C-alpha atoms as a PDB file:
ATOM      1  CA  UNK A   1     -38.334 -18.331 -34.357  1.00  0.00           C
ATOM      2  CA  UNK A   2     -41.769 -18.834 -32.194  1.00  0.00           C
ATOM      3  CA  UNK A   3     -42.512 -21.867 -33.908  1.00  0.00           C
ATOM      4  CA  UNK A   4     -38.846 -23.230 -32.948  1.00  0.00           C
ATOM      5  CA  UNK A   5     -38.755 -22.515 -29.553  1.00  0.00           C
ATOM      6  CA  UNK A   6     -42.062 -23.966 -28.914  1.00  0.00           C
ATOM      7  CA  UNK A   7     -40.658 -27.327 -30.739  1.00  0.00           C
ATOM      8  CA  UNK A   8     -37.490 -27.676 -28.762  1.00  0.00           C
ATOM      9  CA  UNK A   9     -39.739 -26.917 -25.752  1.00  0.00           C
ATOM     10  CA  UNK A  10     -41.705 -29.633 -26.917  1.00  0.00           C
ATOM     11  CA  UNK A  11     -39.075 -32.272 -27.255  1.00  0.00           C
ATOM     12  CA  UNK A  12     -37.395 -31.357 -24.168  1.00  0.00           C
ATOM     13  CA  UNK A  13     -40.689 -32.080 -22.442  1.00  0.00           C
ATOM     14  CA  UNK A  14     -41.070 -34.830 -24.101  1.00  0.00           C
ATOM     15  CA  UNK A  15     -37.672 -36.545 -23.081  1.00  0.00           C
ATOM     16  CA  UNK A  16     -38.788 -35.927 -20.055  1.00  0.00           C
ATOM     17  CA  UNK A  17     -41.719 -37.391 -19.960  1.00  0.00           C
ATOM     18  CA  UNK A  18     -39.797 -40.650 -21.731  1.00  0.00           C
ATOM     19  CA  UNK A  19     -37.178 -40.689 -19.093  1.00  0.00           C
ATOM     20  CA  UNK A  20     -39.838 -40.361 -16.446  1.00  0.00           C
ATOM     21  CA  UNK A  21     -42.055 -43.191 -17.511  1.00  0.00           C
ATOM     22  CA  UNK A  22     -39.207 -45.581 -18.030  1.00  0.00           C
ATOM     23  CA  UNK A  23     -37.911 -44.971 -14.453  1.00  0.00           C
ATOM     24  CA  UNK A  24     -41.801 -45.312 -13.334  1.00  0.00           C
ATOM     25  CA  UNK A  25     -41.481 -48.613 -15.250  1.00  0.00           C
ATOM     26  CA  UNK A  26     -38.440 -49.567 -13.902  1.00  0.00           C
ATOM     27  CA  UNK A  27     -39.232 -49.207 -10.399  1.00  0.00           C
ATOM     28  CA  UNK A  28     -42.937 -51.246 -10.696  1.00  0.00           C
ATOM     29  CA  UNK A  29     -41.085 -53.954 -12.430  1.00  0.00           C
ATOM     30  CA  UNK A  30     -38.573 -54.375  -9.973  1.00  0.00           C
ATOM     31  CA  UNK A  31     -41.165 -53.789  -7.129  1.00  0.00           C
ATOM     32  CA  UNK A  32     -43.891 -56.855  -9.223  1.00  0.00           C
ATOM     33  CA  UNK A  33     -40.004 -58.846  -9.180  1.00  0.00           C
ATOM     34  CA  UNK A  34     -39.574 -58.587  -5.593  1.00  0.00           C
ATOM     35  CA  UNK A  35     -43.042 -59.679  -4.864  1.00  0.00           C
ATOM     36  CA  UNK A  36     -42.451 -62.384  -7.425  1.00  0.00           C
ATOM     37  CA  UNK A  37     -39.217 -63.513  -5.900  1.00  0.00           C
ATOM     38  CA  UNK A  38     -40.548 -64.146  -2.337  1.00  0.00           C
ATOM     39  CA  UNK A  39     -43.820 -66.265  -3.707  1.00  0.00           C
ATOM     40  CA  UNK A  40     -40.786 -68.222  -5.481  1.00  0.00           C
ATOM     41  CA  UNK A  41     -38.998 -68.538  -2.342  1.00  0.00           C
ATOM     42  CA  UNK A  42     -41.719 -69.598   0.145  1.00  0.00           C
ATOM     43  CA  UNK A  43     -42.691 -71.964  -2.104  1.00  0.00           C
ATOM     44  CA  UNK A  44     -45.622 -70.336  -3.863  1.00  0.00           C
ATOM     45  CA  UNK A  45     -44.675 -71.728  -7.237  1.00  0.00           C
ATOM     46  CA  UNK A  46     -47.315 -71.569  -9.480  1.00  0.00           C
ATOM     47  CA  UNK A  47     -48.054 -67.789  -8.354  1.00  0.00           C
ATOM     48  CA  UNK A  48     -44.223 -66.985  -8.728  1.00  0.00           C
ATOM     49  CA  UNK A  49     -44.355 -68.782 -12.196  1.00  0.00           C
ATOM     50  CA  UNK A  50     -47.446 -66.474 -12.853  1.00  0.00           C
ATOM     51  CA  UNK A  51     -46.023 -63.069 -12.232  1.00  0.00           C
ATOM     52  CA  UNK A  52     -42.513 -64.217 -13.662  1.00  0.00           C
ATOM     53  CA  UNK A  53     -44.427 -64.623 -16.933  1.00  0.00           C
ATOM     54  CA  UNK A  54     -46.143 -61.336 -16.616  1.00  0.00           C
ATOM     55  CA  UNK A  55     -43.112 -59.346 -15.754  1.00  0.00           C
ATOM     56  CA  UNK A  56     -41.392 -61.150 -18.533  1.00  0.00           C
ATOM     57  CA  UNK A  57     -44.869 -60.059 -20.912  1.00  0.00           C
ATOM     58  CA  UNK A  58     -45.099 -56.567 -19.767  1.00  0.00           C
ATOM     59  CA  UNK A  59     -41.425 -55.142 -18.876  1.00  0.00           C
ATOM     60  CA  UNK A  60     -39.524 -57.252 -21.590  1.00  0.00           C
ATOM     61  CA  UNK A  61     -36.760 -54.180 -21.825  1.00  0.00           C
ATOM     62  CA  UNK A  62     -36.221 -53.965 -17.876  1.00  0.00           C
ATOM     63  CA  UNK A  63     -33.614 -55.970 -16.191  1.00  0.00           C
ATOM     64  CA  UNK A  64     -36.718 -57.752 -14.398  1.00  0.00           C
ATOM     65  CA  UNK A  65     -37.425 -59.816 -17.124  1.00  0.00           C
ATOM     66  CA  UNK A  66     -34.001 -61.401 -17.852  1.00  0.00           C
ATOM     67  CA  UNK A  67     -33.706 -62.312 -14.065  1.00  0.00           C
ATOM     68  CA  UNK A  68     -37.668 -63.609 -14.577  1.00  0.00           C
ATOM     69  CA  UNK A  69     -36.794 -65.300 -17.729  1.00  0.00           C
ATOM     70  CA  UNK A  70     -34.353 -67.435 -15.967  1.00  0.00           C
ATOM     71  CA  UNK A  71     -36.287 -67.894 -13.080  1.00  0.00           C
ATOM     72  CA  UNK A  72     -39.240 -69.286 -14.941  1.00  0.00           C
ATOM     73  CA  UNK A  73     -36.858 -72.001 -16.708  1.00  0.00           C
ATOM     74  CA  UNK A  74     -35.586 -73.045 -12.819  1.00  0.00           C
ATOM     75  CA  UNK A  75     -39.351 -73.520 -11.581  1.00  0.00           C
ATOM     76  CA  UNK A  76     -40.715 -74.951 -14.556  1.00  0.00           C
ATOM     77  CA  UNK A  77     -37.606 -77.490 -14.454  1.00  0.00           C
ATOM     78  CA  UNK A  78     -38.145 -78.168 -10.548  1.00  0.00           C
ATOM     79  CA  UNK A  79     -41.891 -79.045 -11.679  1.00  0.00           C
ATOM     80  CA  UNK A  80     -40.767 -81.582 -14.096  1.00  0.00           C
ATOM     81  CA  UNK A  81     -42.296 -79.028 -17.187  1.00  0.00           C
ATOM     82  CA  UNK A  82     -38.983 -79.775 -19.001  1.00  0.00           C
ATOM     83  CA  UNK A  83     -40.662 -78.438 -22.933  1.00  0.00           C
ATOM     84  CA  UNK A  84     -41.488 -75.197 -20.507  1.00  0.00           C
ATOM     85  CA  UNK A  85     -38.284 -75.093 -19.076  1.00  0.00           C
ATOM     86  CA  UNK A  86     -36.232 -75.562 -22.290  1.00  0.00           C
ATOM     87  CA  UNK A  87     -38.128 -72.625 -23.861  1.00  0.00           C
ATOM     88  CA  UNK A  88     -37.853 -70.226 -20.902  1.00  0.00           C
ATOM     89  CA  UNK A  89     -33.983 -71.500 -20.781  1.00  0.00           C
ATOM     90  CA  UNK A  90     -33.553 -71.202 -24.744  1.00  0.00           C
ATOM     91  CA  UNK A  91     -35.011 -67.792 -24.810  1.00  0.00           C
ATOM     92  CA  UNK A  92     -32.750 -66.471 -22.004  1.00  0.00           C
ATOM     93  CA  UNK A  93     -29.821 -67.532 -24.064  1.00  0.00           C
ATOM     94  CA  UNK A  94     -31.068 -66.062 -27.266  1.00  0.00           C
ATOM     95  CA  UNK A  95     -32.167 -62.259 -25.787  1.00  0.00           C
ATOM     96  CA  UNK A  96     -29.457 -62.004 -22.734  1.00  0.00           C
ATOM     97  CA  UNK A  97     -25.420 -62.140 -23.267  1.00  0.00           C
ATOM     98  CA  UNK A  98     -24.497 -60.251 -20.389  1.00  0.00           C
ATOM     99  CA  UNK A  99     -24.238 -62.536 -17.612  1.00  0.00           C
ATOM    100  CA  UNK A 100     -21.637 -65.343 -17.726  1.00  0.00           C
ATOM    101  CA  UNK A 101     -22.862 -67.220 -15.023  1.00  0.00           C
ATOM    102  CA  UNK A 102     -26.152 -67.296 -16.099  1.00  0.00           C
ATOM    103  CA  UNK A 103     -25.868 -68.167 -19.340  1.00  0.00           C
ATOM    104  CA  UNK A 104     -23.985 -71.217 -18.343  1.00  0.00           C
ATOM    105  CA  UNK A 105     -26.250 -72.125 -15.327  1.00  0.00           C
ATOM    106  CA  UNK A 106     -29.497 -71.650 -18.511  1.00  0.00           C
ATOM    107  CA  UNK A 107     -27.368 -74.245 -20.414  1.00  0.00           C
ATOM    108  CA  UNK A 108     -26.906 -76.355 -17.689  1.00  0.00           C
ATOM    109  CA  UNK A 109     -30.580 -76.529 -16.974  1.00  0.00           C
ATOM    110  CA  UNK A 110     -31.303 -77.734 -20.229  1.00  0.00           C
ATOM    111  CA  UNK A 111     -28.971 -80.216 -19.974  1.00  0.00           C
ATOM    112  CA  UNK A 112     -30.457 -81.481 -16.685  1.00  0.00           C
ATOM    113  CA  UNK A 113     -34.246 -81.378 -18.951  1.00  0.00           C
ATOM    114  CA  UNK A 114     -32.863 -83.506 -21.532  1.00  0.00           C
ATOM    115  CA  UNK A 115     -30.753 -86.011 -18.808  1.00  0.00           C
ATOM    116  CA  UNK A 116     -34.107 -86.476 -17.187  1.00  0.00           C
ATOM    117  CA  UNK A 117     -35.808 -87.122 -19.673  1.00  0.00           C
ATOM    118  CA  UNK A 118     -33.318 -89.990 -21.073  1.00  0.00           C
ATOM    119  CA  UNK A 119     -31.997 -87.997 -24.003  1.00  0.00           C
ATOM    120  CA  UNK A 120     -28.233 -88.247 -22.555  1.00  0.00           C
ATOM    121  CA  UNK A 121     -26.024 -87.440 -25.556  1.00  0.00           C
ATOM    122  CA  UNK A 122     -27.965 -83.780 -26.088  1.00  0.00           C
ATOM    123  CA  UNK A 123     -27.474 -83.583 -22.219  1.00  0.00           C
ATOM    124  CA  UNK A 124     -23.661 -84.099 -22.242  1.00  0.00           C
ATOM    125  CA  UNK A 125     -23.448 -81.515 -24.803  1.00  0.00           C
ATOM    126  CA  UNK A 126     -25.015 -78.611 -23.158  1.00  0.00           C
ATOM    127  CA  UNK A 127     -23.176 -79.516 -19.993  1.00  0.00           C
ATOM    128  CA  UNK A 128     -20.066 -79.203 -22.228  1.00  0.00           C
ATOM    129  CA  UNK A 129     -21.276 -75.797 -23.734  1.00  0.00           C
ATOM    130  CA  UNK A 130     -22.177 -74.852 -19.782  1.00  0.00           C
ATOM    131  CA  UNK A 131     -18.260 -75.733 -19.858  1.00  0.00           C
ATOM    132  CA  UNK A 132     -17.317 -73.974 -22.579  1.00  0.00           C
ATOM    133  CA  UNK A 133     -19.474 -70.462 -22.100  1.00  0.00           C
ATOM    134  CA  UNK A 134     -17.841 -70.228 -18.316  1.00  0.00           C
ATOM    135  CA  UNK A 135     -15.161 -71.906 -17.995  1.00  0.00           C
ATOM    136  CA  UNK A 136     -13.860 -70.760 -14.887  1.00  0.00           C
ATOM    137  CA  UNK A 137     -17.502 -70.350 -13.326  1.00  0.00           C
ATOM    138  CA  UNK A 138     -17.997 -71.773  -9.739  1.00  0.00           C
ATOM    139  CA  UNK A 139     -20.191 -74.273 -11.254  1.00  0.00           C
ATOM    140  CA  UNK A 140     -17.589 -75.742 -13.518  1.00  0.00           C
ATOM    141  CA  UNK A 141     -17.124 -79.025 -11.628  1.00  0.00           C
ATOM    142  CA  UNK A 142     -20.466 -79.809 -11.294  1.00  0.00           C
ATOM    143  CA  UNK A 143     -20.823 -79.334 -14.927  1.00  0.00           C
ATOM    144  CA  UNK A 144     -18.133 -81.721 -15.791  1.00  0.00           C
ATOM    145  CA  UNK A 145     -19.449 -84.545 -13.310  1.00  0.00           C
ATOM    146  CA  UNK A 146     -22.951 -84.155 -15.458  1.00  0.00           C
ATOM    147  CA  UNK A 147     -21.451 -84.458 -18.493  1.00  0.00           C
ATOM    148  CA  UNK A 148     -18.955 -87.124 -17.428  1.00  0.00           C
ATOM    149  CA  UNK A 149     -22.425 -88.977 -16.274  1.00  0.00           C
ATOM    150  CA  UNK A 150     -24.611 -88.669 -18.967  1.00  0.00           C
ATOM    151  CA  UNK A 151     -21.506 -89.308 -21.184  1.00  0.00           C
ATOM    152  CA  UNK A 152     -21.243 -92.442 -19.517  1.00  0.00           C
ATOM    153  CA  UNK A 153     -24.987 -93.715 -19.578  1.00  0.00           C
ATOM    154  CA  UNK A 154     -24.809 -92.779 -23.186  1.00  0.00           C
ATOM    155  CA  UNK A 155     -22.008 -95.255 -23.822  1.00  0.00           C
ATOM    156  CA  UNK A 156     -19.619 -92.889 -24.805  1.00  0.00           C
ATOM    157  CA  UNK A 157     -16.585 -93.858 -22.099  1.00  0.00           C
ATOM    158  CA  UNK A 158     -13.630 -92.070 -23.698  1.00  0.00           C
ATOM    159  CA  UNK A 159     -15.868 -88.394 -23.579  1.00  0.00           C
ATOM    160  CA  UNK A 160     -16.523 -89.805 -19.732  1.00  0.00           C
ATOM    161  CA  UNK A 161     -13.313 -90.702 -19.621  1.00  0.00           C
ATOM    162  CA  UNK A 162     -12.062 -86.987 -19.943  1.00  0.00           C
ATOM    163  CA  UNK A 163     -14.184 -85.671 -18.115  1.00  0.00           C
ATOM    164  CA  UNK A 164     -13.181 -87.447 -14.999  1.00  0.00           C
ATOM    165  CA  UNK A 165      -9.699 -86.493 -15.449  1.00  0.00           C
ATOM    166  CA  UNK A 166     -10.312 -82.963 -15.452  1.00  0.00           C
ATOM    167  CA  UNK A 167     -12.440 -83.327 -12.118  1.00  0.00           C
ATOM    168  CA  UNK A 168      -9.630 -85.712 -10.812  1.00  0.00           C
ATOM    169  CA  UNK A 169      -6.697 -83.013 -11.840  1.00  0.00           C
ATOM    170  CA  UNK A 170      -8.485 -79.819 -10.541  1.00  0.00           C
ATOM    171  CA  UNK A 171     -10.747 -81.236  -7.544  1.00  0.00           C
ATOM    172  CA  UNK A 172      -8.069 -83.166  -5.802  1.00  0.00           C
ATOM    173  CA  UNK A 173      -9.415 -84.590  -2.312  1.00  0.00           C
ATOM    174  CA  UNK A 174     -12.776 -83.181  -2.375  1.00  0.00           C
ATOM    175  CA  UNK A 175     -16.508 -84.629  -2.495  1.00  0.00           C
ATOM    176  CA  UNK A 176     -16.962 -84.325  -6.137  1.00  0.00           C
ATOM    177  CA  UNK A 177     -13.784 -86.320  -7.200  1.00  0.00           C
ATOM    178  CA  UNK A 178     -15.535 -89.046  -4.806  1.00  0.00           C
ATOM    179  CA  UNK A 179     -18.354 -88.784  -6.415  1.00  0.00           C
ATOM    180  CA  UNK A 180     -17.059 -88.867  -9.680  1.00  0.00           C
ATOM    181  CA  UNK A 181     -14.630 -91.740  -8.552  1.00  0.00           C
ATOM    182  CA  UNK A 182     -18.001 -93.632  -7.472  1.00  0.00           C
ATOM    183  CA  UNK A 183     -19.404 -92.865 -10.458  1.00  0.00           C
ATOM    184  CA  UNK A 184     -16.446 -93.764 -12.932  1.00  0.00           C
ATOM    185  CA  UNK A 185     -16.644 -97.487 -10.812  1.00  0.00           C
ATOM    186  CA  UNK A 186     -20.626 -98.296 -10.838  1.00  0.00           C
ATOM    187  CA  UNK A 187     -20.373 -97.043 -14.979  1.00  0.00           C
ATOM    188  CA  UNK A 188     -17.440 -99.488 -15.577  1.00  0.00           C
ATOM    189  CA  UNK A 189     -15.720 -96.504 -17.257  1.00  0.00           C
ATOM    190  CA  UNK A 190     -12.136 -97.164 -16.203  1.00  0.00           C
END
């Protein structure tokens, strides 16, 4: 009976210790993420990238790792490290499933990388995947414009016209329609 009581006490102590360690790790990860985000926003990109990468490695089970992975994609894209950006966007998409806005953003980020590399059919496909991932998202018009631009550049006028028609239908009287119409005229889509 004494052994049973001791076992229960040890189990309770272990659970309390585990929960305390997990809470401590979450606080530490949050603090480090806040510092990395301040570096990122103040233009210290190299420091921010290193901090985000360390967070992903050290705190992979914390929410800070999710946001750090996504921001590593953006940071590398801005520094024109396209292969690294694509790698982090892919990692984000494979590990994190919950936030549709960020998932669509990761797909669009990959599309932008492909577009900048001149890989227009792949870029168009990724923009279309971003559209499918979150069809009611706030960036949907921009994703259609990106897909249209890439389709036109790749010579796929049929797809370009589809995206143009969507933009003209859904965004009447906006700057987005003006941009799409100008792009269509320049690209001979009409």
